[in-house]
Amino acid sequence: MTQRRYISVWLVLLSLALLQAQNASAQSRMHLGKAKLVSPGVGWATVQQYPNEAPEGSSLYSTCLYWTQDNGKKWRDITPPHTSLQTLSEVFFLDSSFGWVILTETGLEDNNMGFHLLSTRDAGKTWVSLPVLQGTTYKLMDGMSPSEIFFSDSQHGWLVWYWHTMNSTATSLLATADGGRTWKRLPDPPGAGPLDFTSPRDGWMVGGPENQVGIVRLNSQLWATHDGGVRWKRAPMPVPVDSPEQGTYLITLKFKNKRDGMLAAGVERTEGGATFRFVGCVTHDGGKTWQFYQFDALSANPSIGDKHIFWSIFDRDTKKVAIQKDDHIIPFTLPIGLFPEGRLSYADFVDDSNAWSTYFNGPAGMVLLATSDGGKTSEIITPPLPAQTPLLPSQH
């Protein structure tokens, strides 16, 4: 009787071990992708799902899109309908209702890619296909692909197209005034972004220098437009540097209105091209004048809140990531129970209190964290791992 009981217990333990191994294997085939706060507590996240037979590092995967309106307490699957040849490549949500996604289609003839734009007015409950991106409607250069989509309101948006090789680059800009149903090609912009519009007419973009010739940095100059992107004017950016040999590059920007904006920049030293200095830039007159602060770090990824820039700083000695508000380190408390040797990644702030960040939790993979008090506390809000997402039959 005792021996039979031991055998039963052993079988139960073996079953639990096999179940855990299966769960771990299933999790290893699914990876947390991009995640973005739209407003406090409201945002989206993607989960990439790989077929069981796909080798590690394979580009064969499907992407599920999730939506939350209570800071991750509940997630809703809002993945738009797509075929097995289409991958979710770009996502932009204006607010808690309006959003747009771009599907990239591979497997077409001559190794070309197709692009499909879909929009929603109800936070992903329903999607409408906007076939304007199919084909060569705008006579864009072969090989171009959409690199950024941005809307200032539910009707006015911009779409940046980008192409590059080792020796050359090209960018194009499209604009819509009807929510994406029709698009107009504008004169080629001064760069590939990022860009930010505060109204249908007023916008800013990171680009290259004026009258550029040959191979130049595309992110060394700030440009402004006040006619919706038809014409761009260079905005002066006298970022402080120690010597003329140092190169300044702009990382990200955010404007509240025509006058108030912030910009994050880096200063690249010539020896080995390593970056050691980062600069926070603030303007209150539309970019005519700027105030600066700067600090040194091995690497830093910026996120712009309401009044401050938050930097995710990688420390050379501890091999950890710390959060810095402007030029002061702030505490970012991790939830109890996370893998102690894990690593916090880029923290994305939507204002000065609310942020999401991914955390590499050792063997358990990536988890998504949220804070609503500027990092004093945080909680795990990882969206659920999806079941195998049904795909529509391929049209090719």
Protein backbone atom coordinates (compact mmCIF):
# COMPACT_ATOMS: atom_id res chain seq x y z
CA MET A 1 0.00 0.00 0.00
CA THR A 2 2.82 2.38 0.92
CA GLN A 3 4.70 1.51 -2.25
CA ARG A 4 1.54 2.17 -4.30
CA ARG A 5 1.13 5.55 -2.58
CA TYR A 6 4.75 6.45 -3.40
CA ILE A 7 4.19 5.48 -7.02
CA SER A 8 1.06 7.67 -7.17
CA VAL A 9 2.88 10.63 -5.64
CA TRP A 10 5.77 10.10 -8.05
CA LEU A 11 3.40 10.04 -11.01
CA VAL A 12 1.74 13.27 -9.84
CA LEU A 13 5.10 14.98 -9.44
CA LEU A 14 6.21 13.70 -12.85
CA SER A 15 3.00 15.04 -14.42
CA LEU A 16 3.53 18.45 -12.80
CA ALA A 17 7.13 18.53 -13.99
CA LEU A 18 6.08 17.66 -17.55
CA LEU A 19 3.35 20.31 -17.43
CA GLN A 20 5.83 22.95 -16.23
CA ALA A 21 8.25 21.93 -18.97
CA GLN A 22 5.50 22.23 -21.56
CA ASN A 23 4.48 25.66 -20.23
CA ALA A 24 8.10 26.83 -20.27
CA SER A 25 8.49 25.53 -23.82
CA ALA A 26 5.29 27.30 -24.89
CA GLN A 27 6.43 30.54 -23.27
CA SER A 28 9.79 30.30 -24.98
CA ARG A 29 7.98 30.34 -28.33
CA MET A 30 6.19 33.56 -27.45
CA HIS A 31 7.94 36.86 -26.87
CA LEU A 32 6.73 40.19 -25.58
CA GLY A 33 7.15 42.74 -28.36
CA LYS A 34 6.45 46.46 -28.35
CA ALA A 35 4.35 48.15 -25.67
CA LYS A 36 3.15 51.74 -25.53
CA LEU A 37 1.16 53.88 -23.11
CA VAL A 38 -1.32 56.16 -24.85
CA SER A 39 -2.52 57.91 -21.69
CA PRO A 40 -2.35 57.01 -17.99
CA GLY A 41 -3.54 53.42 -17.67
CA VAL A 42 -4.42 53.11 -21.36
CA GLY A 43 -2.11 51.43 -23.86
CA TRP A 44 -1.28 48.52 -26.14
CA ALA A 45 1.26 45.71 -26.32
CA THR A 46 2.24 43.10 -28.87
CA VAL A 47 3.17 39.45 -28.34
CA GLN A 48 5.09 37.57 -31.03
CA GLN A 49 4.15 33.93 -31.44
CA TYR A 50 6.47 31.48 -33.22
CA PRO A 51 5.31 28.16 -34.69
CA ASN A 52 6.57 25.15 -32.76
CA GLU A 53 8.56 23.97 -35.76
CA ALA A 54 10.24 27.34 -36.35
CA PRO A 55 13.94 27.44 -35.36
CA GLU A 56 15.21 29.94 -32.81
CA GLY A 57 15.86 33.32 -34.41
CA SER A 58 13.35 32.63 -37.17
CA SER A 59 11.55 35.55 -38.79
CA LEU A 60 8.45 33.37 -39.17
CA TYR A 61 6.02 34.54 -36.50
CA SER A 62 2.59 36.06 -35.99
CA THR A 63 1.92 39.12 -33.86
CA CYS A 64 -0.99 39.53 -31.46
CA LEU A 65 -2.06 43.04 -30.43
CA TYR A 66 -3.49 43.60 -26.93
CA TRP A 67 -5.29 46.59 -25.41
CA THR A 68 -5.83 47.68 -21.82
CA GLN A 69 -7.74 50.56 -20.24
CA ASP A 70 -7.01 49.74 -16.59
CA ASN A 71 -3.20 49.61 -16.59
CA GLY A 72 -2.95 45.92 -17.38
CA LYS A 73 -5.48 44.48 -14.96
CA LYS A 74 -7.42 43.25 -17.98
CA TRP A 75 -6.21 42.86 -21.55
CA ARG A 76 -8.30 42.53 -24.68
CA ASP A 77 -7.07 40.90 -27.88
CA ILE A 78 -7.58 43.48 -30.66
CA THR A 79 -5.44 41.83 -33.34
CA PRO A 80 -6.79 42.93 -36.74
CA PRO A 81 -7.65 40.25 -39.33
CA HIS A 82 -4.64 39.31 -41.44
CA THR A 83 -3.27 36.52 -43.61
CA SER A 84 -0.36 34.19 -42.91
CA LEU A 85 1.84 36.36 -45.14
CA GLN A 86 1.10 39.60 -43.27
CA THR A 87 2.94 40.88 -40.20
CA LEU A 88 1.90 43.70 -37.90
CA SER A 89 4.71 46.23 -38.38
CA GLU A 90 3.52 49.67 -37.19
CA VAL A 91 0.97 50.66 -34.52
CA PHE A 92 -0.22 54.15 -33.58
CA PHE A 93 -3.05 55.07 -31.19
CA LEU A 94 -4.09 58.70 -30.84
CA ASP A 95 -6.24 58.16 -27.74
CA SER A 96 -8.50 55.57 -26.13
CA SER A 97 -10.53 55.17 -29.35
CA PHE A 98 -8.70 56.02 -32.58
CA GLY A 99 -5.85 53.86 -33.84
CA TRP A 100 -4.06 52.77 -37.02
CA VAL A 101 -1.90 49.75 -37.87
CA ILE A 102 0.21 48.82 -40.88
CA LEU A 103 0.44 45.23 -42.07
CA THR A 104 3.55 44.29 -44.03
CA GLU A 105 3.02 41.55 -46.58
CA THR A 106 5.87 39.33 -47.78
CA GLY A 107 6.01 36.52 -50.28
CA LEU A 108 4.98 38.67 -53.22
CA GLU A 109 6.52 38.40 -56.67
CA ASP A 110 10.05 39.78 -57.20
CA ASN A 111 10.60 39.74 -53.41
CA ASN A 112 8.64 42.97 -53.05
CA MET A 113 6.65 43.83 -49.95
CA GLY A 114 3.07 45.07 -49.80
CA PHE A 115 1.62 47.33 -47.13
CA HIS A 116 -1.94 47.56 -45.83
CA LEU A 117 -3.35 50.25 -43.56
CA LEU A 118 -6.23 49.55 -41.15
CA SER A 119 -7.96 51.92 -38.73
CA THR A 120 -10.24 51.64 -35.73
CA ARG A 121 -12.56 54.10 -34.02
CA ASP A 122 -13.48 51.88 -31.07
CA ALA A 123 -10.12 50.80 -29.61
CA GLY A 124 -9.78 47.74 -31.82
CA LYS A 125 -13.25 46.23 -31.48
CA THR A 126 -13.65 46.71 -35.24
CA TRP A 127 -11.10 47.46 -37.96
CA VAL A 128 -11.59 49.09 -41.36
CA SER A 129 -9.20 48.33 -44.19
CA LEU A 130 -7.81 51.37 -46.02
CA PRO A 131 -6.25 49.91 -49.18
CA VAL A 132 -4.54 53.15 -50.19
CA LEU A 133 -1.06 51.75 -49.41
CA GLN A 134 -1.37 48.87 -51.85
CA GLY A 135 0.54 49.12 -55.12
CA THR A 136 2.61 52.09 -56.25
CA THR A 137 -0.05 54.79 -55.99
CA TYR A 138 2.43 57.50 -55.09
CA LYS A 139 5.32 56.37 -57.31
CA LEU A 140 7.58 55.87 -54.34
CA MET A 141 11.05 54.48 -54.80
CA ASP A 142 11.23 50.69 -55.03
CA GLY A 143 12.20 49.19 -51.70
CA MET A 144 10.72 52.00 -49.59
CA SER A 145 8.76 50.98 -46.50
CA PRO A 146 6.76 52.95 -43.90
CA SER A 147 8.92 53.80 -40.89
CA GLU A 148 6.62 56.04 -38.82
CA ILE A 149 2.95 56.95 -38.67
CA PHE A 150 1.62 59.89 -36.64
CA PHE A 151 -1.78 61.58 -36.22
CA SER A 152 -2.39 64.93 -34.53
CA ASP A 153 -6.15 64.32 -34.42
CA SER A 154 -8.59 61.75 -35.78
CA GLN A 155 -8.39 63.17 -39.32
CA HIS A 156 -4.88 64.58 -39.88
CA GLY A 157 -1.94 62.23 -40.11
CA TRP A 158 1.48 61.74 -41.68
CA LEU A 159 3.30 58.68 -42.90
CA VAL A 160 7.09 58.60 -43.35
CA TRP A 161 8.57 56.24 -45.93
CA TYR A 162 12.24 55.31 -45.72
CA TRP A 163 14.80 53.52 -47.86
CA HIS A 164 18.49 53.09 -47.25
CA THR A 165 21.56 51.17 -48.31
CA MET A 166 25.11 51.37 -47.07
CA ASN A 167 25.82 54.34 -49.34
CA SER A 168 22.57 56.27 -49.68
CA THR A 169 19.17 56.99 -48.13
CA ALA A 170 15.84 58.41 -49.25
CA THR A 171 12.68 59.54 -47.44
CA SER A 172 9.17 60.43 -48.57
CA LEU A 173 6.22 61.90 -46.68
CA LEU A 174 2.48 61.34 -47.17
CA ALA A 175 -0.32 63.28 -45.46
CA THR A 176 -4.02 62.61 -44.94
CA ALA A 177 -6.88 64.90 -43.91
CA ASP A 178 -9.63 62.27 -43.76
CA GLY A 179 -8.39 59.75 -41.22
CA GLY A 180 -6.29 57.78 -43.69
CA ARG A 181 -8.82 57.07 -46.44
CA THR A 182 -6.85 59.15 -48.95
CA TRP A 183 -3.27 60.40 -48.90
CA LYS A 184 -1.31 63.13 -50.63
CA ARG A 185 2.39 62.96 -51.28
CA LEU A 186 4.24 66.02 -49.94
CA PRO A 187 7.67 67.30 -51.00
CA ASP A 188 10.35 65.01 -49.65
CA PRO A 189 11.08 65.84 -45.99
CA PRO A 190 14.49 66.80 -44.59
CA GLY A 191 14.84 63.50 -42.76
CA ALA A 192 13.24 60.30 -41.55
CA GLY A 193 12.09 61.51 -38.13
CA PRO A 194 11.00 61.03 -35.48
CA LEU A 195 8.33 63.68 -36.00
CA ASP A 196 5.72 65.36 -33.82
CA PHE A 197 2.70 67.45 -34.81
CA THR A 198 0.65 69.50 -32.35
CA SER A 199 -1.94 70.60 -34.94
CA PRO A 200 -2.73 69.93 -38.61
CA ARG A 201 -0.22 72.64 -39.52
CA ASP A 202 2.43 72.82 -36.80
CA GLY A 203 5.05 70.10 -36.56
CA TRP A 204 8.69 69.27 -35.91
CA MET A 205 10.99 66.62 -37.33
CA VAL A 206 14.49 65.32 -36.73
CA GLY A 207 16.43 65.34 -39.99
CA GLY A 208 19.71 66.05 -41.69
CA PRO A 209 21.62 69.30 -42.18
CA GLU A 210 20.64 71.94 -44.69
CA ASN A 211 21.93 71.53 -48.26
CA GLN A 212 23.29 68.10 -47.44
CA VAL A 213 25.62 66.54 -49.99
CA GLY A 214 26.76 62.93 -49.99
CA ILE A 215 26.42 60.65 -46.98
CA VAL A 216 25.41 62.66 -43.90
CA ARG A 217 23.76 61.96 -40.57
CA LEU A 218 19.99 62.07 -40.94
CA ASN A 219 19.42 62.98 -37.28
CA SER A 220 21.68 65.97 -36.71
CA GLN A 221 19.18 68.82 -37.24
CA LEU A 222 15.76 69.92 -35.99
CA TRP A 223 13.24 71.15 -38.56
CA ALA A 224 9.87 72.90 -38.12
CA THR A 225 6.82 73.24 -40.39
CA HIS A 226 3.78 75.48 -40.07
CA ASP A 227 1.93 74.38 -43.20
CA GLY A 228 1.39 70.70 -42.47
CA GLY A 229 4.71 69.43 -43.81
CA VAL A 230 4.79 71.11 -47.22
CA ARG A 231 7.75 73.33 -46.27
CA TRP A 232 10.30 72.82 -43.49
CA LYS A 233 12.53 75.43 -41.87
CA ARG A 234 15.67 74.68 -39.93
CA ALA A 235 15.40 75.40 -36.20
CA PRO A 236 18.67 76.54 -34.54
CA MET A 237 20.03 73.96 -32.09
CA PRO A 238 23.29 75.19 -30.49
CA VAL A 239 23.84 72.04 -28.40
CA PRO A 240 26.94 72.57 -26.21
CA VAL A 241 29.98 70.50 -27.22
CA ASP A 242 33.58 70.49 -26.02
CA SER A 243 35.17 70.65 -29.47
CA PRO A 244 34.13 71.12 -33.13
CA GLU A 245 35.11 67.52 -33.87
CA GLN A 246 32.27 66.19 -31.78
CA GLY A 247 29.05 65.36 -33.59
CA THR A 248 25.59 66.00 -32.15
CA TYR A 249 22.68 63.72 -32.97
CA LEU A 250 19.05 64.15 -31.97
CA ILE A 251 17.21 61.17 -30.44
CA THR A 252 13.60 62.10 -29.74
CA LEU A 253 11.34 65.14 -29.33
CA LYS A 254 7.95 66.18 -27.95
CA PHE A 255 6.05 69.46 -28.21
CA LYS A 256 2.97 70.47 -26.21
CA ASN A 257 2.09 73.37 -28.48
CA LYS A 258 3.73 75.82 -30.89
CA ARG A 259 6.05 77.16 -28.18
CA ASP A 260 6.78 74.55 -25.51
CA GLY A 261 8.85 71.52 -26.37
CA MET A 262 11.64 69.20 -25.25
CA LEU A 263 14.30 67.35 -27.15
CA ALA A 264 16.90 64.73 -26.19
CA ALA A 265 20.31 64.70 -27.89
CA GLY A 266 23.59 62.85 -27.74
CA VAL A 267 27.15 64.01 -28.37
CA GLU A 268 29.33 61.56 -30.25
CA ARG A 269 33.07 61.65 -29.79
CA THR A 270 35.35 60.95 -32.71
CA GLU A 271 37.49 58.25 -31.12
CA GLY A 272 35.68 55.02 -31.95
CA GLY A 273 32.36 56.81 -32.33
CA ALA A 274 31.41 56.08 -28.71
CA THR A 275 28.75 58.20 -27.03
CA PHE A 276 29.53 59.52 -23.57
CA ARG A 277 27.48 62.70 -23.24
CA PHE A 278 23.74 63.27 -23.38
CA VAL A 279 21.86 66.57 -23.45
CA GLY A 280 18.33 67.53 -22.44
CA CYS A 281 16.95 70.52 -24.36
CA VAL A 282 13.94 72.69 -23.45
CA THR A 283 12.35 75.54 -25.42
CA HIS A 284 9.48 77.90 -24.61
CA ASP A 285 9.52 79.97 -27.80
CA GLY A 286 9.07 77.40 -30.55
CA GLY A 287 12.76 76.55 -30.86
CA LYS A 288 14.21 80.06 -31.15
CA THR A 289 16.13 79.62 -27.90
CA TRP A 290 16.92 76.60 -25.74
CA GLN A 291 17.97 75.73 -22.19
CA PHE A 292 20.25 72.73 -21.70
CA TYR A 293 21.51 70.28 -19.11
CA GLN A 294 24.00 67.52 -19.82
CA PHE A 295 25.53 64.44 -18.21
CA ASP A 296 27.92 61.63 -19.07
CA ALA A 297 26.92 57.98 -19.42
CA LEU A 298 27.90 54.87 -21.31
CA SER A 299 24.44 54.73 -22.91
CA ALA A 300 21.06 56.37 -22.25
CA ASN A 301 17.59 56.02 -23.80
CA PRO A 302 15.29 59.04 -23.32
CA SER A 303 11.52 59.25 -22.82
CA ILE A 304 9.81 62.64 -22.60
CA GLY A 305 7.10 63.25 -19.99
CA ASP A 306 5.18 66.45 -19.25
CA LYS A 307 7.92 68.65 -17.82
CA HIS A 308 10.89 66.30 -17.62
CA ILE A 309 12.96 63.92 -19.72
CA PHE A 310 13.44 60.47 -18.24
CA TRP A 311 16.59 58.58 -19.19
CA SER A 312 17.18 54.84 -18.91
CA ILE A 313 20.87 54.77 -18.02
CA PHE A 314 23.01 51.65 -18.37
CA ASP A 315 25.67 51.45 -15.68
CA ARG A 316 29.02 50.03 -16.79
CA ASP A 317 29.92 48.67 -13.34
CA THR A 318 26.66 47.12 -12.13
CA LYS A 319 25.45 46.12 -15.62
CA LYS A 320 22.03 47.41 -14.55
CA VAL A 321 19.66 50.08 -15.86
CA ALA A 322 18.78 53.05 -13.65
CA ILE A 323 16.09 55.68 -14.28
CA GLN A 324 17.15 59.31 -14.31
CA LYS A 325 14.80 62.33 -14.32
CA ASP A 326 16.62 65.08 -16.17
CA ASP A 327 20.07 64.86 -14.55
CA HIS A 328 19.04 63.21 -11.23
CA ILE A 329 18.78 59.47 -10.55
CA ILE A 330 15.36 58.45 -9.20
CA PRO A 331 14.35 55.18 -7.52
CA PHE A 332 12.56 52.63 -9.67
CA THR A 333 11.32 49.88 -7.33
CA LEU A 334 10.83 46.46 -8.89
CA PRO A 335 8.06 44.10 -7.75
CA ILE A 336 9.06 41.40 -5.27
CA GLY A 337 9.82 38.01 -6.79
CA LEU A 338 11.46 39.02 -10.05
CA PHE A 339 14.66 37.27 -11.13
CA PRO A 340 17.44 39.09 -9.20
CA GLU A 341 19.89 38.97 -12.10
CA GLY A 342 17.36 40.33 -14.57
CA ARG A 343 17.57 43.67 -16.29
CA LEU A 344 15.21 46.61 -16.64
CA SER A 345 15.08 47.99 -20.17
CA TYR A 346 13.88 51.28 -21.61
CA ALA A 347 11.20 52.96 -19.45
CA ASP A 348 8.56 54.72 -21.56
CA PHE A 349 6.86 57.62 -19.71
CA VAL A 350 3.61 59.11 -20.99
CA ASP A 351 3.74 61.91 -18.39
CA ASP A 352 5.83 62.59 -15.28
CA SER A 353 4.21 59.75 -13.27
CA ASN A 354 3.07 56.95 -15.56
CA ALA A 355 5.43 54.62 -17.41
CA TRP A 356 5.73 51.11 -18.80
CA SER A 357 8.96 49.16 -19.07
CA THR A 358 10.00 45.65 -20.01
CA TYR A 359 12.12 43.56 -17.66
CA PHE A 360 14.16 40.51 -18.58
CA ASN A 361 13.08 38.07 -15.90
CA GLY A 362 15.71 35.39 -16.44
CA PRO A 363 14.38 31.98 -17.56
CA ALA A 364 10.80 33.29 -17.45
CA GLY A 365 11.50 35.70 -20.31
CA MET A 366 10.30 39.28 -20.67
CA VAL A 367 7.64 40.80 -18.43
CA LEU A 368 5.91 44.17 -18.70
CA LEU A 369 6.03 46.52 -15.70
CA ALA A 370 3.92 49.59 -14.92
CA THR A 371 4.40 52.47 -12.51
CA SER A 372 1.95 55.28 -11.75
CA ASP A 373 4.06 57.13 -9.19
CA GLY A 374 7.20 57.89 -11.14
CA GLY A 375 8.92 54.62 -10.23
CA LYS A 376 8.41 54.53 -6.46
CA THR A 377 6.42 51.33 -6.96
CA SER A 378 5.70 49.09 -9.94
CA GLU A 379 3.67 46.00 -10.80
CA ILE A 380 3.75 43.25 -13.41
CA ILE A 381 1.10 43.75 -16.13
CA THR A 382 2.29 41.34 -18.86
CA PRO A 383 -0.54 40.57 -21.32
CA PRO A 384 -1.70 36.95 -21.47
CA LEU A 385 0.06 34.52 -23.76
CA PRO A 386 -2.25 34.00 -26.74
CA ALA A 387 -3.56 30.76 -28.08
CA GLN A 388 -2.61 30.02 -31.66
CA THR A 389 -4.12 33.00 -33.47
CA PRO A 390 -6.29 31.90 -36.41
CA LEU A 391 -5.05 33.41 -39.64
CA LEU A 392 -7.03 34.13 -42.78
CA PRO A 393 -6.12 32.13 -45.89
CA SER A 394 -3.34 33.67 -47.94
CA GLN A 395 -4.49 35.57 -51.00
CA HIS A 396 -1.42 34.53 -53.01
